[in-house]
Amino acid sequence: MVTLDNAITARLKRGDKHFEVMVDPELALLLRKGEDVDIAAMLAVEDVFENASRGDHPSKESVEGTFETTDIFVIAEHIVKHGELHLTKEQRKQIIEDKRKQVVSIIAQGAFNPQTKAPHPVSRIEKAMEEAGIHIDPMKGIDELVNKTMDAIRPIIPIRFDTVEVAVRIPADYAAKSYGDVMGFGELVKEEWQADGSWIGVVKIPAGIQLDFYGLVNRLTKGGAEIKLLK
């Protein structure tokens, strides 16, 4: 159980009613992400408050009318999942940084420059985000943050999410060994084993990871593969 000194407030508003619980910030965030959490370990105090800082409690009728139970563990789980978490400055900073990195990574791997058909370097994406004044909300989901970021940086750099199809011919000496790694990199559109033992395939991959794919194929085949961007 977390101490009160290290706990944060999770708050839920329902009309003019306020409900608060004191929780471990790390466990509360894990619960918000959908992970299984020991609710008893998450709670600093096994009680629900109307105002935790003053120690005020809501009426039993108010609690039952809102949650249809007086079980503190059920109530606490509901408040954390559906209410607001009041993070410490350090926690908020760390979450923002982690989510920013995730957003950049997703865009770098899945998006590309439609003018050149090439992926944007991470540094270019980060610079565009800075110019656009992107604000990462620590309570927003990654999908929403990525969409918001893409909308903001499109006027600054030409960019869009897309997939590309790449044709690959792997020589017989490397075909069997390379097959699994190449298959696992994207969606296999079609394939054909040649009479000489070589393998020809078309793989659909996120546009932003073309260079990674080319690097993988060249490494597996010691530069002996033939690669062609189809679309």
Protein backbone atom coordinates (compact mmCIF):
# COMPACT_ATOMS: atom_id res chain seq x y z
CA MET A 1 0.00 0.00 0.00
CA VAL A 2 1.32 3.41 -0.99
CA THR A 3 1.86 6.08 1.68
CA LEU A 4 -0.21 9.25 1.66
CA ASP A 5 2.94 11.30 1.02
CA ASN A 6 3.49 9.47 -2.27
CA ALA A 7 -0.14 9.14 -3.30
CA ILE A 8 -2.05 11.22 -5.84
CA THR A 9 -5.73 12.03 -6.06
CA ALA A 10 -8.04 10.30 -8.52
CA ARG A 11 -11.25 12.31 -8.90
CA LEU A 12 -14.61 11.58 -10.52
CA LYS A 13 -17.37 14.15 -11.04
CA ARG A 14 -20.99 13.18 -11.55
CA GLY A 15 -23.14 16.29 -11.78
CA ASP A 16 -22.57 18.24 -8.60
CA LYS A 17 -21.13 15.21 -6.81
CA HIS A 18 -17.41 14.71 -6.31
CA PHE A 19 -15.71 11.44 -5.40
CA GLU A 20 -11.99 11.05 -4.69
CA VAL A 21 -9.60 8.27 -3.74
CA MET A 22 -5.90 8.43 -2.87
CA VAL A 23 -3.86 6.08 -5.03
CA ASP A 24 -0.40 4.94 -6.03
CA PRO A 25 0.39 6.91 -9.21
CA GLU A 26 2.24 4.10 -10.99
CA LEU A 27 -0.42 1.47 -10.31
CA ALA A 28 -3.19 3.92 -11.22
CA LEU A 29 -1.56 4.60 -14.59
CA LEU A 30 -1.18 0.88 -15.25
CA LEU A 31 -4.86 0.40 -14.45
CA ARG A 32 -5.75 3.21 -16.84
CA LYS A 33 -3.78 1.39 -19.55
CA GLY A 34 -5.92 -1.71 -19.05
CA GLU A 35 -3.47 -3.80 -17.06
CA ASP A 36 -4.45 -5.95 -14.10
CA VAL A 37 -3.70 -4.18 -10.83
CA ASP A 38 -4.10 -5.11 -7.16
CA ILE A 39 -6.60 -2.44 -6.10
CA ALA A 40 -5.78 -2.88 -2.42
CA ALA A 41 -2.11 -2.19 -3.16
CA MET A 42 -3.07 0.83 -5.27
CA LEU A 43 -5.05 2.53 -2.50
CA ALA A 44 -3.33 4.70 0.11
CA VAL A 45 -6.54 4.76 2.15
CA GLU A 46 -9.39 2.30 1.75
CA ASP A 47 -11.98 5.04 1.70
CA VAL A 48 -13.76 7.33 -0.75
CA PHE A 49 -13.79 11.09 -0.16
CA GLU A 50 -15.75 14.07 -1.33
CA ASN A 51 -12.64 16.18 -0.77
CA ALA A 52 -9.56 14.17 0.16
CA SER A 53 -7.44 17.17 1.14
CA ARG A 54 -10.00 18.16 3.79
CA GLY A 55 -10.95 14.60 4.70
CA ASP A 56 -14.61 15.19 3.77
CA HIS A 57 -16.69 12.12 2.95
CA PRO A 58 -19.74 11.85 0.67
CA SER A 59 -22.92 10.43 2.10
CA LYS A 60 -23.53 6.69 1.89
CA GLU A 61 -26.63 7.38 -0.18
CA SER A 62 -24.61 9.47 -2.64
CA VAL A 63 -22.02 6.72 -3.02
CA GLU A 64 -24.58 3.96 -3.48
CA GLY A 65 -26.64 6.06 -5.86
CA THR A 66 -23.62 6.69 -8.08
CA PHE A 67 -21.72 3.40 -7.96
CA GLU A 68 -24.51 0.99 -6.95
CA THR A 69 -22.15 -0.42 -4.32
CA THR A 70 -20.19 0.58 -1.25
CA ASP A 71 -17.28 -1.74 -2.05
CA ILE A 72 -14.27 0.59 -1.96
CA PHE A 73 -12.27 -1.59 -4.34
CA VAL A 74 -14.99 -1.49 -7.01
CA ILE A 75 -15.45 2.24 -6.46
CA ALA A 76 -11.72 2.99 -6.60
CA GLU A 77 -11.29 1.01 -9.81
CA HIS A 78 -14.18 2.92 -11.43
CA ILE A 79 -12.85 6.31 -10.33
CA VAL A 80 -9.34 5.62 -11.63
CA LYS A 81 -10.55 4.23 -14.96
CA HIS A 82 -13.15 6.92 -15.67
CA GLY A 83 -12.07 9.94 -13.65
CA GLU A 84 -9.09 12.29 -13.58
CA LEU A 85 -5.64 11.55 -12.23
CA HIS A 86 -3.84 14.47 -10.64
CA LEU A 87 -0.21 13.62 -11.41
CA THR A 88 2.89 15.01 -9.78
CA LYS A 89 5.05 17.32 -11.88
CA GLU A 90 7.71 14.63 -12.32
CA GLN A 91 5.16 11.97 -13.33
CA ARG A 92 3.50 14.26 -15.81
CA LYS A 93 6.86 15.18 -17.36
CA GLN A 94 7.88 11.52 -17.73
CA ILE A 95 4.57 10.46 -19.28
CA ILE A 96 4.67 13.35 -21.75
CA GLU A 97 8.20 12.43 -22.80
CA ASP A 98 7.35 8.74 -23.19
CA LYS A 99 4.25 9.48 -25.26
CA ARG A 100 6.10 11.98 -27.43
CA LYS A 101 8.67 9.29 -28.26
CA GLN A 102 5.88 6.83 -29.10
CA VAL A 103 4.17 9.36 -31.38
CA VAL A 104 7.42 10.13 -33.21
CA SER A 105 8.21 6.42 -33.58
CA ILE A 106 4.78 5.56 -34.99
CA ILE A 107 4.89 8.43 -37.49
CA ALA A 108 8.47 7.64 -38.53
CA GLN A 109 7.64 3.99 -39.14
CA GLY A 110 4.26 4.41 -40.81
CA ALA A 111 4.39 7.71 -42.71
CA PHE A 112 6.38 8.96 -45.69
CA ASN A 113 6.95 11.91 -47.99
CA PRO A 114 4.44 11.54 -50.88
CA GLN A 115 6.63 13.73 -53.09
CA THR A 116 9.73 11.56 -52.86
CA LYS A 117 8.12 8.28 -51.70
CA ALA A 118 10.80 8.17 -48.99
CA PRO A 119 10.34 8.08 -45.22
CA HIS A 120 10.99 11.18 -43.13
CA PRO A 121 13.94 11.02 -40.71
CA VAL A 122 13.00 11.16 -37.04
CA SER A 123 14.81 14.49 -36.70
CA ARG A 124 12.62 16.05 -39.41
CA ILE A 125 9.44 14.84 -37.73
CA GLU A 126 10.60 16.15 -34.36
CA LYS A 127 11.48 19.53 -35.88
CA ALA A 128 8.06 19.77 -37.56
CA MET A 129 6.37 18.93 -34.24
CA GLU A 130 8.37 21.67 -32.56
CA GLU A 131 7.44 24.19 -35.25
CA ALA A 132 3.79 23.20 -34.99
CA GLY A 133 3.84 23.66 -31.22
CA ILE A 134 2.60 20.15 -30.52
CA HIS A 135 1.33 19.66 -26.98
CA ILE A 136 1.29 16.08 -25.70
CA ASP A 137 -1.60 15.53 -23.31
CA PRO A 138 -0.52 12.78 -20.88
CA MET A 139 -4.11 11.60 -20.48
CA LYS A 140 -4.81 11.20 -24.21
CA GLY A 141 -4.43 7.89 -26.04
CA ILE A 142 -1.56 7.35 -28.49
CA ASP A 143 -3.87 6.97 -31.51
CA GLU A 144 -5.51 10.32 -30.80
CA LEU A 145 -2.14 11.99 -30.25
CA VAL A 146 -0.75 10.60 -33.52
CA ASN A 147 -3.77 11.82 -35.50
CA LYS A 148 -3.57 15.26 -33.89
CA THR A 149 0.15 15.46 -34.59
CA MET A 150 -0.24 14.42 -38.23
CA ASP A 151 -2.88 17.12 -38.77
CA ALA A 152 -0.57 19.72 -37.23
CA ILE A 153 2.61 18.90 -39.14
CA ARG A 154 1.08 18.37 -42.61
CA PRO A 155 1.23 22.12 -43.41
CA ILE A 156 4.93 22.06 -42.49
CA ILE A 157 6.18 18.91 -44.23
CA PRO A 158 4.57 16.74 -46.94
CA ILE A 159 3.59 13.59 -45.07
CA ARG A 160 0.97 10.89 -45.02
CA PHE A 161 0.42 7.38 -43.73
CA ASP A 162 0.55 4.73 -46.41
CA THR A 163 1.90 1.32 -47.30
CA VAL A 164 4.18 0.39 -50.16
CA GLU A 165 4.70 -2.84 -52.04
CA VAL A 166 8.24 -4.03 -52.54
CA ALA A 167 9.27 -6.82 -54.88
CA VAL A 168 12.19 -8.92 -53.69
CA ARG A 169 14.23 -11.63 -55.38
CA ILE A 170 16.43 -13.63 -53.01
CA PRO A 171 19.11 -15.94 -54.45
CA ALA A 172 18.84 -19.65 -53.74
CA ASP A 173 21.79 -19.63 -51.33
CA TYR A 174 19.91 -17.34 -48.95
CA ALA A 175 16.23 -17.95 -49.75
CA ALA A 176 15.40 -20.58 -47.13
CA LYS A 177 17.28 -18.81 -44.33
CA SER A 178 15.86 -15.39 -45.16
CA TYR A 179 12.27 -16.39 -45.80
CA GLY A 180 10.98 -16.16 -42.23
CA ASP A 181 12.53 -12.77 -41.49
CA VAL A 182 11.27 -11.25 -44.73
CA MET A 183 7.78 -12.66 -44.17
CA GLY A 184 7.69 -11.29 -40.64
CA PHE A 185 8.50 -7.75 -41.74
CA GLY A 186 5.18 -7.07 -43.48
CA GLU A 187 2.26 -8.58 -45.35
CA LEU A 188 3.13 -11.07 -48.07
CA VAL A 189 1.10 -10.16 -51.17
CA LYS A 190 2.40 -12.93 -53.41
CA GLU A 191 5.36 -15.25 -53.74
CA GLU A 192 6.91 -17.73 -56.11
CA TRP A 193 9.73 -20.22 -55.70
CA GLN A 194 11.87 -20.48 -58.80
CA ALA A 195 13.28 -23.64 -60.36
CA ASP A 196 16.80 -22.59 -59.36
CA GLY A 197 15.79 -22.35 -55.68
CA SER A 198 15.55 -18.57 -55.55
CA TRP A 199 12.49 -16.86 -54.09
CA ILE A 200 10.51 -13.97 -55.51
CA GLY A 201 7.93 -12.19 -53.37
CA VAL A 202 5.98 -8.98 -53.04
CA VAL A 203 5.77 -7.62 -49.50
CA LYS A 204 3.51 -4.81 -48.31
CA ILE A 205 5.10 -2.71 -45.56
CA PRO A 206 4.49 0.68 -43.88
CA ALA A 207 6.04 3.33 -46.10
CA GLY A 208 8.16 4.72 -43.29
CA ILE A 209 10.20 1.55 -42.76
CA GLN A 210 11.38 1.01 -46.34
CA LEU A 211 15.01 1.65 -45.47
CA ASP A 212 14.84 -0.77 -42.54
CA PHE A 213 13.38 -3.42 -44.83
CA TYR A 214 16.02 -2.86 -47.49
CA GLY A 215 18.70 -3.06 -44.84
CA LEU A 216 17.32 -6.34 -43.51
CA VAL A 217 17.16 -7.96 -46.94
CA ASN A 218 20.65 -6.81 -47.89
CA ARG A 219 22.05 -8.02 -44.58
CA LEU A 220 20.41 -11.44 -44.90
CA THR A 221 21.60 -11.91 -48.46
CA LYS A 222 24.97 -10.15 -48.16
CA GLY A 223 23.79 -7.68 -50.77
CA GLY A 224 22.79 -10.38 -53.24
CA ALA A 225 19.05 -9.66 -53.36
CA GLU A 226 17.21 -7.66 -55.97
CA ILE A 227 14.74 -5.12 -54.55
CA LYS A 228 12.26 -2.96 -56.41
CA LEU A 229 9.69 -0.49 -55.07
CA LEU A 230 6.41 -1.16 -56.88
CA LYS A 231 4.09 1.47 -55.39
